[in-house]
Amino acid sequence: MKHAATQTILQRIAASLVNRLSRYVTWHGKADRNLANESGRFFPLVLILGREHYKERRKTYPTLRRRDLQKVLRQELAGEPLTLSVPGPVRGDSREVSFYRLEQGVIESLPRSLFVIPESLVLSSQVSEDGWADVEREDYRYFLFGDGSSQPAGGALARRELVALASGVDPDLPPDEWRGSAELLGHMRRALLKVPGLTWWSCRNPLPHRFGLDTVAWKPVAVTAALVLFGYLVVSSLYLQASLGLRSDDLDTLEPEIQEGLVADEEARDLTARRNALAELWGSRADTQALWQSVALALQNRASVNQVEMRDGRVRLYGEAADAAEILTLLAAVPNFKDVTFDSAVRSGRSGRQNFTLSFALAESAADNEQADE
């Protein structure tokens, strides 16, 4: 729904700009009329020259760079009456150039516009490639073809059949009939937007000496530039707002899934922390069962244990026995005890018993080995 509303606003803005700009496009036929169907020139930026004010011919040239072609055309047109030359697209190894020679009487009346573009050149985009049109307005009639060429009616070419045969068009194909200035204005409004940029460049005002900074209609130029800039800013703002709205809708749709993902991620981090804490506790535990096993063995062999400590990974027993070496041998025979040694010399006491200090290391259990493997 937002997209439809945005499209409607853009269409209104485009229509408003076209209507505004159409006031500064003058059609110079029998009389001056702009594309807004108002009489007068209104300081035109573009002048559409009526078909009755120029003669048209075409010539084919080899494929040249556009700059080289312009040099050739300037040499050919030197000394001739004022002529517009409009190169067409390259077709194979050649390019066709359309020449529009302006009538001497109309040259003096050309207004100070940026572009002068022939009427038939503008309207050619409204005719299908294989079709043709019978144009009649203001007591003037001519035929327009899909390739852009045109032929005034009259003399031997007054009949449609003869015109079609002379132009290579199927005489059984009826032409489109355009009657009246109002209908042609509608075609011009649509066709003007399809004129290629290079064609505009070729149709610059051919009277540069009458076009100077002091003669420019600055007010319509400034108003048009301001409208174009304003339209661009409005279109950009609407596009950004529409994009932001679409992104907000997407985020609203994905919000529950995002929340679930965040909760699951938090739970995963909590479980990882708990696992690491348990692993650290398990890895740093003392094997108290094995420690008290050593004490029990000493006591069973009539030894007395005065002190037990665990330091630097070793268990130390301080005590006395009738034979300290026998206690050492018993502990060394236990698989879980490694490196059983006396830490100091064995001394005999007054009672005839031997005082000893021995130590050993605890072997890694199966659980410890599995954890180390992980």
Protein backbone atom coordinates (compact mmCIF):
# COMPACT_ATOMS: atom_id res chain seq x y z
CA MET A 1 0.00 0.00 0.00
CA LYS A 2 2.89 2.32 0.82
CA HIS A 3 4.46 1.47 -2.54
CA ALA A 4 1.25 2.36 -4.38
CA ALA A 5 0.95 5.66 -2.52
CA THR A 6 4.58 6.52 -3.27
CA GLN A 7 4.11 5.67 -6.95
CA THR A 8 1.01 7.90 -7.11
CA ILE A 9 2.94 10.82 -5.58
CA LEU A 10 5.82 10.31 -8.01
CA GLN A 11 3.41 10.27 -10.94
CA ARG A 12 1.84 13.53 -9.74
CA ILE A 13 5.26 15.15 -9.38
CA ALA A 14 6.33 13.95 -12.85
CA ALA A 15 3.08 15.21 -14.37
CA SER A 16 3.51 18.55 -12.63
CA LEU A 17 7.07 18.91 -13.93
CA VAL A 18 6.04 17.96 -17.47
CA ASN A 19 3.18 20.47 -17.38
CA ARG A 20 5.49 23.16 -16.08
CA LEU A 21 8.21 22.48 -18.63
CA SER A 22 5.71 22.20 -21.49
CA ARG A 23 5.04 25.94 -21.19
CA TYR A 24 8.61 26.56 -22.33
CA VAL A 25 8.42 24.32 -25.41
CA THR A 26 7.03 26.29 -28.37
CA TRP A 27 5.65 24.74 -31.53
CA HIS A 28 6.28 27.15 -34.41
CA GLY A 29 3.78 26.27 -37.13
CA LYS A 30 1.34 28.70 -38.69
CA ALA A 31 1.38 30.43 -35.31
CA ASP A 32 3.30 29.96 -32.07
CA ARG A 33 1.76 27.65 -29.46
CA ASN A 34 3.41 25.92 -26.53
CA LEU A 35 2.82 22.30 -25.55
CA ALA A 36 0.49 23.44 -22.77
CA ASN A 37 -1.80 24.57 -25.65
CA GLU A 38 -1.29 28.25 -24.89
CA SER A 39 -0.69 30.86 -27.59
CA GLY A 40 2.63 32.68 -27.57
CA ARG A 41 6.26 31.71 -27.07
CA PHE A 42 6.73 32.27 -23.31
CA PHE A 43 10.55 32.53 -23.62
CA PRO A 44 10.89 29.02 -25.08
CA LEU A 45 13.79 26.79 -24.11
CA VAL A 46 12.91 24.42 -26.96
CA LEU A 47 11.44 25.40 -30.33
CA ILE A 48 9.71 22.70 -32.40
CA LEU A 49 9.93 23.93 -35.97
CA GLY A 50 6.83 23.23 -38.08
CA ARG A 51 7.25 20.97 -41.11
CA GLU A 52 6.33 23.78 -43.50
CA HIS A 53 9.42 25.79 -42.46
CA TYR A 54 12.18 23.46 -43.66
CA LYS A 55 13.15 21.07 -46.41
CA GLU A 56 14.39 17.60 -45.62
CA ARG A 57 16.89 15.28 -47.28
CA ARG A 58 19.05 12.32 -46.26
CA LYS A 59 22.51 11.07 -47.14
CA THR A 60 24.51 7.98 -46.19
CA TYR A 61 28.12 8.19 -44.98
CA PRO A 62 30.72 5.56 -44.11
CA THR A 63 31.10 4.74 -40.44
CA LEU A 64 33.21 7.51 -38.89
CA ARG A 65 33.81 8.76 -35.44
CA ARG A 66 31.26 11.37 -34.55
CA ARG A 67 33.92 14.08 -34.37
CA ASP A 68 35.26 13.22 -37.83
CA LEU A 69 31.72 13.09 -39.23
CA GLN A 70 31.03 16.59 -37.87
CA LYS A 71 34.12 17.89 -39.68
CA VAL A 72 32.90 16.38 -42.95
CA LEU A 73 29.42 17.83 -42.48
CA ARG A 74 30.79 21.31 -41.72
CA GLN A 75 32.80 21.25 -44.94
CA GLU A 76 29.80 20.10 -47.00
CA LEU A 77 27.44 22.68 -45.51
CA ALA A 78 29.84 25.60 -45.76
CA GLY A 79 28.24 28.37 -47.82
CA GLU A 80 24.81 26.68 -47.88
CA PRO A 81 21.64 28.05 -46.25
CA LEU A 82 21.23 27.37 -42.54
CA THR A 83 20.84 23.59 -42.11
CA LEU A 84 20.50 21.25 -39.16
CA SER A 85 22.34 17.93 -39.55
CA VAL A 86 21.25 15.03 -37.34
CA PRO A 87 23.33 11.81 -37.58
CA GLY A 88 21.42 8.59 -37.11
CA PRO A 89 22.61 5.33 -35.55
CA VAL A 90 25.32 3.22 -37.17
CA ARG A 91 23.86 0.43 -39.29
CA GLY A 92 26.48 -2.04 -40.47
CA ASP A 93 29.29 -0.04 -42.03
CA SER A 94 27.34 3.14 -42.71
CA ARG A 95 25.45 5.91 -40.98
CA GLU A 96 22.56 7.96 -42.36
CA VAL A 97 22.45 11.70 -41.71
CA SER A 98 19.23 13.72 -41.92
CA PHE A 99 19.50 17.33 -43.15
CA TYR A 100 16.86 19.96 -42.37
CA ARG A 101 17.41 23.16 -44.37
CA LEU A 102 15.54 26.06 -42.82
CA GLU A 103 13.54 28.42 -45.01
CA GLN A 104 15.10 31.86 -45.25
CA GLY A 105 11.96 33.58 -44.06
CA VAL A 106 11.77 31.63 -40.79
CA ILE A 107 15.41 32.19 -39.87
CA GLU A 108 14.77 35.82 -39.07
CA SER A 109 11.88 34.95 -36.77
CA LEU A 110 13.55 32.21 -34.73
CA PRO A 111 13.30 33.01 -31.01
CA ARG A 112 16.22 32.85 -28.58
CA SER A 113 15.84 29.23 -27.56
CA LEU A 114 18.36 26.60 -26.54
CA PHE A 115 17.24 24.05 -29.13
CA VAL A 116 15.53 24.10 -32.53
CA ILE A 117 14.21 20.65 -33.39
CA PRO A 118 12.20 19.75 -36.53
CA GLU A 119 8.60 18.67 -36.08
CA SER A 120 8.95 15.48 -38.12
CA LEU A 121 12.02 14.46 -36.12
CA VAL A 122 10.10 14.79 -32.87
CA LEU A 123 7.01 12.92 -34.07
CA SER A 124 8.89 10.05 -35.73
CA SER A 125 9.02 8.08 -32.47
CA GLN A 126 5.21 7.95 -32.48
CA VAL A 127 5.12 5.99 -35.74
CA SER A 128 5.87 2.27 -35.85
CA GLU A 129 8.94 1.19 -37.82
CA ASP A 130 6.87 -0.32 -40.65
CA GLY A 131 4.00 2.17 -40.43
CA TRP A 132 3.30 5.71 -41.56
CA ALA A 133 1.04 8.61 -40.66
CA ASP A 134 -1.09 11.11 -42.56
CA VAL A 135 -0.69 14.43 -40.70
CA GLU A 136 -2.98 17.39 -41.37
CA ARG A 137 -3.32 20.56 -39.32
CA GLU A 138 -3.78 24.29 -39.98
CA ASP A 139 -4.37 23.70 -43.73
CA TYR A 140 -1.03 21.92 -44.04
CA ARG A 141 -0.63 18.22 -44.77
CA TYR A 142 2.34 15.87 -44.92
CA PHE A 143 3.16 12.19 -44.54
CA LEU A 144 5.46 10.84 -41.81
CA PHE A 145 7.21 7.45 -41.89
CA GLY A 146 8.64 5.16 -39.26
CA ASP A 147 12.26 5.79 -40.27
CA GLY A 148 11.81 9.51 -39.49
CA SER A 149 11.48 10.77 -43.04
CA SER A 150 8.55 12.91 -44.14
CA GLN A 151 6.99 14.10 -47.39
CA PRO A 152 4.71 17.14 -47.86
CA ALA A 153 1.48 16.38 -49.68
CA GLY A 154 0.79 18.05 -52.97
CA GLY A 155 1.42 17.82 -56.68
CA ALA A 156 2.00 14.30 -57.94
CA LEU A 157 2.24 12.95 -54.38
CA ALA A 158 -1.16 14.06 -53.20
CA ARG A 159 -2.55 10.52 -53.29
CA ARG A 160 -1.69 8.14 -50.48
CA GLU A 161 -0.98 5.21 -52.78
CA LEU A 162 1.64 7.12 -54.74
CA VAL A 163 3.28 8.39 -51.53
CA ALA A 164 3.43 4.86 -50.14
CA LEU A 165 4.98 3.45 -53.31
CA ALA A 166 7.52 6.27 -53.51
CA SER A 167 8.55 5.69 -49.90
CA GLY A 168 8.67 1.90 -50.03
CA VAL A 169 5.65 1.40 -47.79
CA ASP A 170 3.00 -1.22 -48.40
CA PRO A 171 0.21 0.74 -50.14
CA ASP A 172 -2.38 -1.62 -48.64
CA LEU A 173 -1.29 -0.57 -45.13
CA PRO A 174 -3.51 2.35 -44.11
CA PRO A 175 -1.65 5.22 -42.38
CA ASP A 176 -2.42 6.60 -38.95
CA GLU A 177 -4.47 9.75 -39.35
CA TRP A 178 -3.51 12.68 -37.16
CA ARG A 179 -5.90 15.56 -37.55
CA GLY A 180 -5.78 18.94 -35.88
CA SER A 181 -3.29 20.80 -33.71
CA ALA A 182 -4.70 19.44 -30.44
CA GLU A 183 -3.97 15.83 -31.41
CA LEU A 184 -0.47 16.71 -32.60
CA LEU A 185 0.27 18.50 -29.33
CA GLY A 186 -0.50 15.28 -27.45
CA HIS A 187 1.84 13.31 -29.72
CA MET A 188 4.56 15.91 -29.27
CA ARG A 189 4.32 15.84 -25.47
CA ARG A 190 4.85 12.09 -25.50
CA ALA A 191 7.47 12.07 -28.25
CA LEU A 192 9.64 14.85 -26.83
CA LEU A 193 10.66 12.65 -23.88
CA LYS A 194 11.96 9.97 -26.29
CA VAL A 195 14.34 12.21 -28.24
CA PRO A 196 17.92 10.85 -27.75
CA GLY A 197 20.53 13.01 -26.07
CA LEU A 198 22.79 13.11 -29.13
CA THR A 199 19.86 14.35 -31.20
CA TRP A 200 19.37 17.21 -28.75
CA TRP A 201 23.04 18.09 -29.15
CA SER A 202 22.69 18.14 -32.93
CA CYS A 203 19.65 20.43 -32.67
CA ARG A 204 21.32 23.25 -30.75
CA ASN A 205 20.14 26.67 -31.82
CA PRO A 206 21.84 27.21 -35.22
CA LEU A 207 22.06 31.00 -34.68
CA PRO A 208 24.83 31.35 -32.06
CA HIS A 209 25.28 35.07 -32.75
CA ARG A 210 21.76 35.68 -31.44
CA PHE A 211 22.29 33.60 -28.36
CA GLY A 212 24.46 35.34 -25.75
CA LEU A 213 24.48 35.69 -22.03
CA ASP A 214 22.68 38.99 -22.28
CA THR A 215 19.86 37.47 -24.32
CA VAL A 216 19.25 34.36 -22.23
CA ALA A 217 15.82 34.15 -20.68
CA TRP A 218 17.28 33.66 -17.21
CA LYS A 219 13.98 33.67 -15.36
CA PRO A 220 12.50 30.55 -17.04
CA VAL A 221 15.92 28.87 -16.94
CA ALA A 222 16.23 29.52 -13.21
CA VAL A 223 12.64 28.46 -12.52
CA THR A 224 13.08 25.28 -14.54
CA ALA A 225 16.37 24.44 -12.81
CA ALA A 226 14.79 25.07 -9.41
CA LEU A 227 11.82 22.85 -10.27
CA VAL A 228 14.09 20.06 -11.50
CA LEU A 229 16.20 20.28 -8.34
CA PHE A 230 13.11 20.38 -6.13
CA GLY A 231 11.61 17.42 -7.96
CA TYR A 232 14.84 15.47 -7.60
CA LEU A 233 14.99 16.17 -3.86
CA VAL A 234 11.34 15.22 -3.39
CA VAL A 235 11.74 12.01 -5.38
CA SER A 236 14.90 11.12 -3.43
CA SER A 237 13.18 11.79 -0.10
CA LEU A 238 10.17 9.70 -1.06
CA TYR A 239 12.40 6.86 -2.21
CA LEU A 240 14.38 6.92 1.04
CA GLN A 241 11.18 7.01 3.10
CA ALA A 242 9.72 4.12 1.16
CA SER A 243 12.93 2.10 1.55
CA LEU A 244 13.03 2.88 5.28
CA GLY A 245 9.40 1.82 5.63
CA LEU A 246 10.07 -1.49 3.89
CA ARG A 247 13.11 -2.15 6.11
CA SER A 248 11.06 -1.33 9.22
CA ASP A 249 8.36 -3.78 8.14
CA ASP A 250 11.01 -6.47 7.58
CA LEU A 251 12.48 -5.83 11.03
CA ASP A 252 9.03 -6.00 12.65
CA THR A 253 8.45 -9.35 10.95
CA LEU A 254 11.83 -10.74 12.03
CA GLU A 255 11.76 -9.31 15.57
CA PRO A 256 10.36 -12.48 17.28
CA GLU A 257 12.96 -14.66 15.57
CA ILE A 258 15.72 -12.21 16.50
CA GLN A 259 14.60 -12.21 20.15
CA GLU A 260 14.57 -16.01 20.22
CA GLY A 261 18.05 -16.07 18.72
CA LEU A 262 19.35 -13.61 21.33
CA VAL A 263 17.87 -15.65 24.20
CA ALA A 264 19.34 -18.87 22.79
CA ASP A 265 22.72 -17.20 22.40
CA GLU A 266 22.63 -15.97 26.01
CA GLU A 267 21.73 -19.44 27.26
CA ALA A 268 24.55 -20.96 25.20
CA ARG A 269 27.07 -18.52 26.71
CA ASP A 270 25.81 -19.31 30.23
CA LEU A 271 26.09 -23.08 29.65
CA THR A 272 29.59 -22.65 28.24
CA ALA A 273 30.66 -20.69 31.33
CA ARG A 274 29.22 -23.36 33.65
CA ARG A 275 30.94 -26.14 31.70
CA ASN A 276 34.28 -24.34 31.88
CA ALA A 277 33.87 -23.81 35.64
CA LEU A 278 33.08 -27.51 36.21
CA ALA A 279 36.01 -28.55 34.04
CA GLU A 280 38.34 -26.32 36.02
CA LEU A 281 37.01 -27.67 39.31
CA TRP A 282 37.35 -31.26 38.11
CA GLY A 283 40.87 -30.68 36.82
CA SER A 284 42.07 -29.10 40.07
CA ARG A 285 40.54 -31.68 42.45
CA ALA A 286 42.73 -33.76 44.80
CA ASP A 287 42.39 -37.48 44.68
CA THR A 288 41.66 -37.82 48.42
CA GLN A 289 40.76 -41.49 48.13
CA ALA A 290 44.26 -42.37 46.93
CA LEU A 291 45.79 -40.13 49.60
CA TRP A 292 43.98 -41.87 52.45
CA GLN A 293 44.80 -45.23 50.88
CA SER A 294 48.50 -44.52 51.52
CA VAL A 295 47.77 -43.68 55.14
CA ALA A 296 45.77 -46.88 55.62
CA LEU A 297 48.59 -49.03 54.24
CA ALA A 298 51.07 -47.42 56.62
CA LEU A 299 48.80 -47.94 59.61
CA GLN A 300 48.13 -51.57 58.69
CA ASN A 301 51.89 -52.24 58.89
CA ARG A 302 52.19 -50.90 62.45
CA ALA A 303 53.41 -47.50 61.40
CA SER A 304 52.14 -44.26 62.83
CA VAL A 305 51.52 -41.21 60.65
CA ASN A 306 52.06 -37.85 62.31
CA GLN A 307 51.36 -35.53 59.37
CA VAL A 308 50.05 -35.72 55.79
CA GLU A 309 50.40 -32.89 53.29
CA MET A 310 50.14 -32.35 49.55
CA ARG A 311 52.45 -29.81 47.96
CA ASP A 312 53.71 -29.23 44.40
CA GLY A 313 51.75 -32.24 43.13
CA ARG A 314 53.26 -34.72 45.65
CA VAL A 315 51.86 -36.37 48.80
CA ARG A 316 54.17 -36.41 51.86
CA LEU A 317 53.83 -38.68 54.88
CA TYR A 318 55.61 -37.89 58.17
CA GLY A 319 55.67 -40.76 60.67
CA GLU A 320 57.56 -43.59 62.36
CA ALA A 321 57.68 -47.34 61.87
CA ALA A 322 59.64 -50.35 62.99
CA ASP A 323 61.03 -50.60 59.43
CA ALA A 324 60.65 -47.50 57.24
CA ALA A 325 61.95 -49.31 54.17
CA GLU A 326 59.05 -51.78 54.45
CA ILE A 327 56.53 -48.89 54.31
CA LEU A 328 58.34 -47.51 51.23
CA THR A 329 58.16 -50.90 49.54
CA LEU A 330 54.40 -51.27 50.25
CA LEU A 331 53.58 -47.83 48.82
CA ALA A 332 55.76 -48.37 45.78
CA ALA A 333 53.78 -51.49 44.97
CA VAL A 334 50.51 -49.50 44.62
CA PRO A 335 49.83 -48.76 40.90
CA ASN A 336 48.40 -45.29 41.60
CA PHE A 337 51.55 -44.16 43.42
CA LYS A 338 54.52 -43.03 41.35
CA ASP A 339 58.06 -42.10 42.27
CA VAL A 340 57.87 -43.19 45.93
CA THR A 341 61.03 -41.92 47.67
CA PHE A 342 62.34 -40.79 51.05
CA ASP A 343 62.58 -37.02 51.22
CA SER A 344 65.11 -37.14 54.09
CA ALA A 345 67.33 -39.61 55.89
CA VAL A 346 65.69 -42.18 58.09
CA ARG A 347 66.55 -41.67 61.79
CA SER A 348 66.17 -44.08 64.74
CA GLY A 349 64.31 -42.83 67.76
CA ARG A 350 64.72 -43.62 71.50
CA SER A 351 62.02 -46.26 71.32
CA GLY A 352 63.91 -48.08 68.61
CA ARG A 353 61.44 -47.03 65.84
CA GLN A 354 62.54 -45.19 62.73
CA ASN A 355 61.37 -41.69 61.86
CA PHE A 356 60.75 -41.18 58.13
CA THR A 357 59.53 -38.65 55.59
CA LEU A 358 58.52 -40.08 52.25
CA SER A 359 56.61 -38.71 49.26
CA PHE A 360 55.02 -39.89 46.04
CA ALA A 361 53.04 -38.57 43.11
CA LEU A 362 49.51 -39.68 42.20
CA ALA A 363 49.03 -41.26 38.79
CA GLU A 364 46.41 -39.67 36.48
CA SER A 365 43.02 -41.37 36.67
CA ALA A 366 41.02 -42.51 33.64
CA ALA A 367 38.71 -39.48 33.97
CA ASP A 368 41.72 -37.17 33.87
CA ASN A 369 43.05 -38.92 30.78
CA GLU A 370 39.69 -38.53 28.99
CA GLN A 371 39.56 -34.84 29.89
CA ALA A 372 43.11 -34.34 28.60
CA ASP A 373 42.13 -36.04 25.34
CA GLU A 374 39.20 -33.66 24.92
